């Protein structure tokens, strides 16, 4: 498959950006409260479509004149340029764009209605075993014992790993965590998830112990608005720093390097279900809007049940 072409963002005229794109993006960010990442992806989807359509008709794009056939052609050609998931994301952004202007009366119809998309393969989520997670979590302590890193870094890094796995947090939720969101009495955190939906996450006794140690020995500030996770200079730890941090300890533990921070969340969910946790309870803990999203983790629970059956049942 060819790599996706560079988006011709400069092909979108300023007037189109002002009149069509900007109000839509503002709606996504302010009213729908989509993440900056999603807003950026939808903007790129619009820019790519506009560039494609402008080249196809060699002139200004008339959104009101677009037909289902036009959008079907875009999807067909898109299959040669993008992976299926990227194409689905592009179409989601465009569908939202047309629906927004249709609702405001500027468009009379959504030209994406009835346009088929290629089916997505349902990939099973990658995760670490409990033994592998234990090896990963031991990394900062090993480096500290070997005098390879400072105490601040060791305890901060361990806290990152413990919160990702012990609380099942998304990276954005993790780096956005402030002391005011932590309930030390109950060992839980109030986090702001996708769509700015708030939920309560139990963090676990080990994570809370590490958090207490880090707070007492290394925190610069512990006011309600003070970040829990810091760089050495006292600034808030960023998403990219967490990603690099996880890679460092994966390499140290000789674990697969394709494991991302989000896959520690997969591990968290998988281990809960393997231990008999209720599916709906795990849905609440993960902050999933749909139970179907949580059900992707049940494959490992079924595999575990089959393993127990094979070992214990006389007719297995």
Protein backbone atom coordinates (compact mmCIF):
# COMPACT_ATOMS: atom_id res chain seq x y z
CA UNK A 1 0.00 0.00 0.00
CA UNK A 2 1.30 3.43 -0.87
CA UNK A 3 1.83 5.83 2.02
CA UNK A 4 -0.89 8.49 2.36
CA UNK A 5 -0.16 11.58 0.26
CA UNK A 6 0.79 14.81 1.90
CA UNK A 7 -2.35 16.82 2.53
CA UNK A 8 -2.62 19.92 0.39
CA UNK A 9 -3.91 22.09 3.21
CA UNK A 10 -2.96 25.27 1.35
CA UNK A 11 -5.41 24.37 -1.43
CA UNK A 12 -8.34 25.35 0.80
CA UNK A 13 -9.11 29.04 0.12
CA UNK A 14 -9.19 31.36 3.15
CA UNK A 15 -12.85 32.17 2.50
CA UNK A 16 -13.76 28.47 2.65
CA UNK A 17 -11.82 28.07 5.88
CA UNK A 18 -13.59 31.03 7.42
CA UNK A 19 -17.11 30.34 6.15
CA UNK A 20 -17.26 26.53 6.24
CA UNK A 21 -14.44 24.91 8.18
CA UNK A 22 -13.85 27.23 11.17
CA UNK A 23 -17.46 27.19 12.50
CA UNK A 24 -17.52 23.39 12.24
CA UNK A 25 -14.25 22.97 14.13
CA UNK A 26 -15.41 25.42 16.80
CA UNK A 27 -18.60 23.38 17.20
CA UNK A 28 -16.57 20.19 17.66
CA UNK A 29 -14.24 21.72 20.25
CA UNK A 30 -16.66 23.93 22.21
CA UNK A 31 -20.02 22.19 22.01
CA UNK A 32 -19.19 18.55 21.37
CA UNK A 33 -16.02 18.86 23.45
CA UNK A 34 -14.01 16.63 21.17
CA UNK A 35 -10.32 16.24 21.93
CA UNK A 36 -7.75 18.37 20.11
CA UNK A 37 -6.56 15.17 18.43
CA UNK A 38 -10.02 14.42 16.98
CA UNK A 39 -10.54 18.03 15.88
CA UNK A 40 -7.19 17.95 14.11
CA UNK A 41 -8.06 14.69 12.35
CA UNK A 42 -11.42 16.04 11.19
CA UNK A 43 -9.71 19.18 9.90
CA UNK A 44 -7.25 17.05 7.95
CA UNK A 45 -10.10 14.95 6.56
CA UNK A 46 -11.79 18.12 5.27
CA UNK A 47 -8.57 19.46 3.76
CA UNK A 48 -7.83 16.19 2.01
CA UNK A 49 -11.34 15.90 0.60
CA UNK A 50 -11.35 19.52 -0.55
CA UNK A 51 -7.99 19.08 -2.30
CA UNK A 52 -9.19 15.87 -3.99
CA UNK A 53 -12.46 17.41 -5.13
CA UNK A 54 -10.80 20.59 -6.37
CA UNK A 55 -8.43 18.55 -8.51
CA UNK A 56 -11.28 16.36 -9.78
CA UNK A 57 -13.41 19.26 -11.01
CA UNK A 58 -10.60 21.76 -11.53
CA UNK A 59 -12.31 24.61 -9.78
CA UNK A 60 -14.10 25.83 -6.67
CA UNK A 61 -15.86 23.14 -4.64
CA UNK A 62 -19.64 23.60 -4.38
CA UNK A 63 -20.70 21.67 -1.26
CA UNK A 64 -24.40 22.03 -2.04
CA UNK A 65 -23.91 20.39 -5.45
CA UNK A 66 -22.07 17.30 -4.16
CA UNK A 67 -23.79 14.00 -4.90
CA UNK A 68 -23.63 10.53 -3.41
CA UNK A 69 -21.72 9.47 -6.54
CA UNK A 70 -19.06 12.10 -5.83
CA UNK A 71 -18.54 10.82 -2.30
CA UNK A 72 -18.56 7.20 -3.47
CA UNK A 73 -15.75 8.06 -5.90
CA UNK A 74 -13.82 9.67 -3.04
CA UNK A 75 -14.16 6.50 -0.93
CA UNK A 76 -13.15 4.24 -3.83
CA UNK A 77 -10.04 6.29 -4.58
CA UNK A 78 -9.32 6.62 -0.87
CA UNK A 79 -8.95 2.85 -0.59
CA UNK A 80 -5.86 3.10 -2.79
CA UNK A 81 -4.32 5.85 -0.68
CA UNK A 82 -5.19 4.98 2.91
CA UNK A 83 -5.58 2.10 5.27
CA UNK A 84 -9.16 1.13 6.04
CA UNK A 85 -9.21 2.64 9.50
CA UNK A 86 -7.80 5.95 8.28
CA UNK A 87 -10.41 6.03 5.54
CA UNK A 88 -13.18 5.33 8.06
CA UNK A 89 -11.89 8.19 10.23
CA UNK A 90 -11.84 10.54 7.24
CA UNK A 91 -15.40 9.65 6.33
CA UNK A 92 -16.52 10.10 9.94
CA UNK A 93 -15.13 13.63 9.87
CA UNK A 94 -16.80 14.45 6.56
CA UNK A 95 -20.10 12.93 7.65
CA UNK A 96 -20.03 15.13 10.76
CA UNK A 97 -19.20 18.17 8.61
CA UNK A 98 -22.13 17.65 6.25
CA UNK A 99 -24.49 16.80 9.10
CA UNK A 100 -23.52 20.00 10.92
CA UNK A 101 -24.29 22.25 7.97
CA UNK A 102 -27.41 20.28 7.12
CA UNK A 103 -28.72 20.89 10.63
CA UNK A 104 -28.04 24.63 10.26
CA UNK A 105 -29.92 24.69 6.97
CA UNK A 106 -27.00 25.54 4.74
CA UNK A 107 -27.07 22.12 3.07
CA UNK A 108 -30.26 20.26 2.18
CA UNK A 109 -28.78 16.75 2.30
CA UNK A 110 -25.79 14.73 3.44
CA UNK A 111 -24.11 13.32 0.29
CA UNK A 112 -22.45 10.57 2.34
CA UNK A 113 -25.82 8.96 3.08
CA UNK A 114 -25.82 5.47 1.59
CA UNK A 115 -22.10 5.47 0.68
CA UNK A 116 -20.66 2.04 1.64
CA UNK A 117 -17.31 1.69 3.38
CA UNK A 118 -14.90 -1.25 3.37
CA UNK A 119 -15.29 -3.45 6.42
CA UNK A 120 -12.79 -3.06 9.22
CA UNK A 121 -10.89 -6.04 10.49
CA UNK A 122 -11.59 -6.62 14.16
CA UNK A 123 -8.08 -6.82 15.57
CA UNK A 124 -7.77 -8.21 19.07
CA UNK A 125 -6.15 -5.78 21.51
CA UNK A 126 -2.51 -6.44 22.37
CA UNK A 127 -1.72 -6.77 26.05
CA UNK A 128 0.93 -7.94 28.50
CA UNK A 129 0.59 -10.96 30.74
CA UNK A 130 0.57 -10.41 34.49
CA UNK A 131 4.14 -11.70 34.69
CA UNK A 132 5.24 -9.28 31.97
CA UNK A 133 3.54 -6.37 33.71
CA UNK A 134 5.38 -7.23 36.93
CA UNK A 135 8.70 -7.14 35.06
CA UNK A 136 7.80 -3.79 33.51
CA UNK A 137 6.80 -2.20 36.81
CA UNK A 138 10.06 -3.27 38.48
CA UNK A 139 12.15 -1.30 35.98
CA UNK A 140 12.40 2.07 37.75
CA UNK A 141 13.34 0.43 41.05
CA UNK A 142 16.07 -1.62 39.36
CA UNK A 143 17.59 1.49 37.79
CA UNK A 144 17.46 3.30 41.12
CA UNK A 145 19.20 0.42 42.90
CA UNK A 146 21.91 0.46 40.23
CA UNK A 147 22.32 4.25 40.64
CA UNK A 148 21.40 4.71 36.99
CA UNK A 149 18.71 7.33 37.61
CA UNK A 150 17.88 9.86 40.30
CA UNK A 151 15.31 9.08 43.00
CA UNK A 152 12.92 11.70 41.61
CA UNK A 153 12.92 10.08 38.16
CA UNK A 154 12.65 6.55 39.52
CA UNK A 155 9.63 7.27 41.70
CA UNK A 156 7.99 9.47 39.06
CA UNK A 157 8.43 6.79 36.40
CA UNK A 158 7.14 4.08 38.69
CA UNK A 159 4.12 6.23 39.49
CA UNK A 160 3.41 6.67 35.76
CA UNK A 161 3.48 2.91 35.19
CA UNK A 162 1.45 2.11 38.30
CA UNK A 163 -1.26 4.62 37.38
CA UNK A 164 -1.47 3.44 33.76
CA UNK A 165 -1.89 -0.16 34.81
CA UNK A 166 -3.41 0.17 38.29
CA UNK A 167 -6.00 2.73 37.23
CA UNK A 168 -6.48 1.84 33.56
CA UNK A 169 -6.04 5.50 32.65
CA UNK A 170 -5.70 6.90 29.17
CA UNK A 171 -2.46 8.84 28.68
CA UNK A 172 -4.36 12.12 28.34
CA UNK A 173 -6.17 11.39 31.61
CA UNK A 174 -2.88 10.53 33.29
CA UNK A 175 -0.97 13.68 32.36
CA UNK A 176 -4.00 15.84 33.15
CA UNK A 177 -4.28 14.48 36.70
CA UNK A 178 -4.13 17.12 39.46
CA UNK A 179 -3.89 16.61 43.22
CA UNK A 180 -7.39 17.98 43.65
CA UNK A 181 -8.73 14.98 41.72
CA UNK A 182 -7.14 12.43 44.09
CA UNK A 183 -9.13 11.06 47.03
CA UNK A 184 -6.45 9.63 49.31
CA UNK A 185 -9.07 8.29 51.72
CA UNK A 186 -10.71 6.04 49.13
CA UNK A 187 -7.67 5.46 46.91
CA UNK A 188 -9.41 6.77 43.81
CA UNK A 189 -9.15 9.55 41.25
CA UNK A 190 -11.71 11.67 39.44
CA UNK A 191 -10.62 11.76 35.80
CA UNK A 192 -11.87 13.61 32.75
CA UNK A 193 -12.20 11.19 29.85
CA UNK A 194 -13.35 11.34 26.24
CA UNK A 195 -16.04 13.90 25.55
CA UNK A 196 -15.03 15.51 28.85
CA UNK A 197 -17.01 12.84 30.70
CA UNK A 198 -15.99 12.47 34.32
CA UNK A 199 -15.61 9.14 36.09
CA UNK A 200 -14.15 7.74 39.30
CA UNK A 201 -11.19 5.37 38.94
CA UNK A 202 -9.93 3.19 41.80
CA UNK A 203 -6.13 3.33 41.60
CA UNK A 204 -5.16 0.38 43.77
CA UNK A 205 -3.21 0.12 47.01
CA UNK A 206 0.21 -0.12 45.34
CA UNK A 207 -0.34 2.90 43.10
CA UNK A 208 -1.60 4.93 46.06
CA UNK A 209 1.45 3.97 48.13
CA UNK A 210 3.78 5.06 45.31
CA UNK A 211 1.79 8.27 44.88
CA UNK A 212 2.09 9.03 48.59
CA UNK A 213 5.84 8.44 48.50
CA UNK A 214 6.29 10.64 45.44
CA UNK A 215 4.11 13.40 46.88
CA UNK A 216 5.91 13.46 50.22
CA UNK A 217 9.46 13.29 48.85
CA UNK A 218 9.37 14.95 45.44
CA UNK A 219 6.23 17.02 44.79
CA UNK A 220 6.90 20.71 44.14
CA UNK A 221 3.31 21.75 44.89
CA UNK A 222 0.30 19.80 46.12
CA UNK A 223 -2.47 22.37 45.68
CA UNK A 224 -5.71 21.22 44.06
CA UNK A 225 -4.63 22.51 40.65
CA UNK A 226 -1.04 21.21 40.89
CA UNK A 227 -0.12 18.41 38.45
CA UNK A 228 0.61 15.01 39.95
CA UNK A 229 3.19 14.06 37.31
CA UNK A 230 6.11 16.41 36.78
CA UNK A 231 9.25 16.95 34.79
CA UNK A 232 12.38 17.68 36.81
CA UNK A 233 11.81 21.43 36.35
CA UNK A 234 8.37 21.20 37.95
CA UNK A 235 6.36 21.48 34.72
CA UNK A 236 3.58 19.05 33.88
CA UNK A 237 4.68 15.80 32.24
CA UNK A 238 3.50 15.51 28.62
CA UNK A 239 2.04 12.71 26.54
CA UNK A 240 5.17 12.24 24.45
CA UNK A 241 7.32 11.95 27.56
CA UNK A 242 5.05 9.17 28.87
CA UNK A 243 5.31 7.31 25.55
CA UNK A 244 9.11 7.47 25.61
CA UNK A 245 9.18 6.50 29.29
CA UNK A 246 7.17 3.34 28.62
CA UNK A 247 9.46 2.40 25.70
CA UNK A 248 12.47 2.75 27.98
CA UNK A 249 11.14 0.27 30.52
CA UNK A 250 9.88 -2.14 27.87
CA UNK A 251 13.42 -2.34 26.52
CA UNK A 252 14.82 -2.78 30.03
CA UNK A 253 12.43 -5.68 30.69
CA UNK A 254 13.06 -7.21 27.24
CA UNK A 255 9.37 -6.92 26.36
CA UNK A 256 7.75 -6.26 22.95
CA UNK A 257 8.48 -2.69 21.88
CA UNK A 258 5.14 -2.29 20.13
CA UNK A 259 3.40 -2.09 23.50
CA UNK A 260 2.14 1.46 23.94
CA UNK A 261 0.88 3.17 27.11
CA UNK A 262 -2.65 2.54 25.85
CA UNK A 263 -1.92 -1.18 25.73
CA UNK A 264 -1.27 -1.11 29.45
CA UNK A 265 -4.91 -0.08 29.63
CA UNK A 266 -5.74 -3.13 27.51
CA UNK A 267 -3.76 -5.25 29.97
CA UNK A 268 -5.67 -3.71 32.88
CA UNK A 269 -9.04 -4.59 31.32
CA UNK A 270 -7.95 -8.07 30.28
CA UNK A 271 -6.62 -8.97 33.72
CA UNK A 272 -9.79 -7.71 35.41
CA UNK A 273 -11.98 -9.88 33.18
CA UNK A 274 -9.67 -12.88 33.54
CA UNK A 275 -10.09 -12.60 37.29
CA UNK A 276 -13.87 -12.65 37.03
CA UNK A 277 -14.78 -8.95 36.98
CA UNK A 278 -18.23 -8.11 35.64
CA UNK A 279 -18.18 -6.79 32.08
CA UNK A 280 -20.38 -3.80 32.86
CA UNK A 281 -18.22 -2.90 35.84
CA UNK A 282 -15.15 -2.92 33.58
CA UNK A 283 -17.06 -0.74 31.12
CA UNK A 284 -17.58 1.82 33.89
CA UNK A 285 -13.96 1.63 35.01
CA UNK A 286 -12.70 2.21 31.47
CA UNK A 287 -15.19 4.99 30.75
CA UNK A 288 -16.54 3.31 27.61
CA UNK A 289 -19.79 4.75 26.29
CA UNK A 290 -20.74 1.43 24.71
CA UNK A 291 -20.54 -2.07 26.15
CA UNK A 292 -19.55 -3.29 22.68
CA UNK A 293 -16.25 -1.41 23.03
CA UNK A 294 -15.47 -3.25 26.26
CA UNK A 295 -16.40 -6.62 24.79
CA UNK A 296 -13.24 -6.73 22.66
CA UNK A 297 -11.41 -7.77 25.84
CA UNK A 298 -13.58 -10.81 26.51
CA UNK A 299 -11.62 -12.98 24.05
CA UNK A 300 -8.93 -13.48 26.66
CA UNK A 301 -11.44 -14.36 29.34
CA UNK A 302 -12.94 -17.00 27.06
CA UNK A 303 -9.46 -18.32 26.31
CA UNK A 304 -8.75 -18.55 30.03
CA UNK A 305 -12.02 -20.41 30.64
CA UNK A 306 -11.16 -22.88 27.87
CA UNK A 307 -7.75 -23.44 29.41
CA UNK A 308 -9.28 -24.16 32.83
CA UNK A 309 -11.84 -26.47 31.21
CA UNK A 310 -9.16 -28.38 29.29
CA UNK A 311 -7.14 -28.94 32.45
CA UNK A 312 -9.99 -29.81 34.79
CA UNK A 313 -12.90 -31.40 32.95
CA UNK A 314 -12.83 -35.20 32.47
CA UNK A 315 -14.46 -34.88 29.03
CA UNK A 316 -12.16 -32.12 27.80
